[in-house]
Amino acid sequence: FGIPCFPVSLKRLLIVVVVIVLVVVVIVGALLMGL
């Protein structure tokens, strides 16, 4: 059960997830700094 090569859609999905996580971290950090 191995993946020979990453599909383009999976790479795109991974990039989207990383961007969302970074945005959430920045927002949470800004909220904590504001408190």
C-alpha atoms as a PDB file:
ATOM      1  CA  PHE A   1       0.000   0.000   0.000  1.00  0.00           C
ATOM      2  CA  GLY A   2       2.518   2.589  -1.153  1.00  0.00           C
ATOM      3  CA  ILE A   3       2.019   5.793  -3.080  1.00  0.00           C
ATOM      4  CA  PRO A   4       4.313   5.752  -6.153  1.00  0.00           C
ATOM      5  CA  CYS A   5       3.948   9.480  -6.784  1.00  0.00           C
ATOM      6  CA  PHE A   6       1.955  12.312  -5.254  1.00  0.00           C
ATOM      7  CA  PRO A   7      -1.051  13.354  -7.346  1.00  0.00           C
ATOM      8  CA  VAL A   8      -1.224  17.067  -8.149  1.00  0.00           C
ATOM      9  CA  SER A   9      -4.537  17.381  -6.283  1.00  0.00           C
ATOM     10  CA  LEU A  10      -2.994  15.936  -3.118  1.00  0.00           C
ATOM     11  CA  LYS A  11      -0.092  18.394  -3.259  1.00  0.00           C
ATOM     12  CA  ARG A  12      -2.544  21.248  -3.775  1.00  0.00           C
ATOM     13  CA  LEU A  13      -4.640  20.032  -0.830  1.00  0.00           C
ATOM     14  CA  LEU A  14      -1.529  19.845   1.359  1.00  0.00           C
ATOM     15  CA  ILE A  15      -0.561  23.421   0.427  1.00  0.00           C
ATOM     16  CA  VAL A  16      -4.090  24.642   1.238  1.00  0.00           C
ATOM     17  CA  VAL A  17      -3.994  22.897   4.632  1.00  0.00           C
ATOM     18  CA  VAL A  18      -0.595  24.437   5.446  1.00  0.00           C
ATOM     19  CA  VAL A  19      -1.823  27.920   4.490  1.00  0.00           C
ATOM     20  CA  ILE A  20      -4.966  27.522   6.632  1.00  0.00           C
ATOM     21  CA  VAL A  21      -2.897  26.378   9.620  1.00  0.00           C
ATOM     22  CA  LEU A  22      -0.541  29.356   9.237  1.00  0.00           C
ATOM     23  CA  VAL A  23      -3.479  31.782   9.060  1.00  0.00           C
ATOM     24  CA  VAL A  24      -5.062  30.246  12.173  1.00  0.00           C
ATOM     25  CA  VAL A  25      -1.749  30.459  14.056  1.00  0.00           C
ATOM     26  CA  VAL A  26      -1.341  34.124  13.090  1.00  0.00           C
ATOM     27  CA  ILE A  27      -4.930  34.962  14.142  1.00  0.00           C
ATOM     28  CA  VAL A  28      -4.605  33.113  17.466  1.00  0.00           C
ATOM     29  CA  GLY A  29      -1.248  34.773  18.091  1.00  0.00           C
ATOM     30  CA  ALA A  30      -2.725  38.214  17.401  1.00  0.00           C
ATOM     31  CA  LEU A  31      -5.639  37.500  19.753  1.00  0.00           C
ATOM     32  CA  LEU A  32      -3.297  36.320  22.518  1.00  0.00           C
ATOM     33  CA  MET A  33      -1.087  39.391  22.059  1.00  0.00           C
ATOM     34  CA  GLY A  34      -4.209  41.573  22.272  1.00  0.00           C
ATOM     35  CA  LEU A  35      -5.279  40.044  25.588  1.00  0.00           C
END
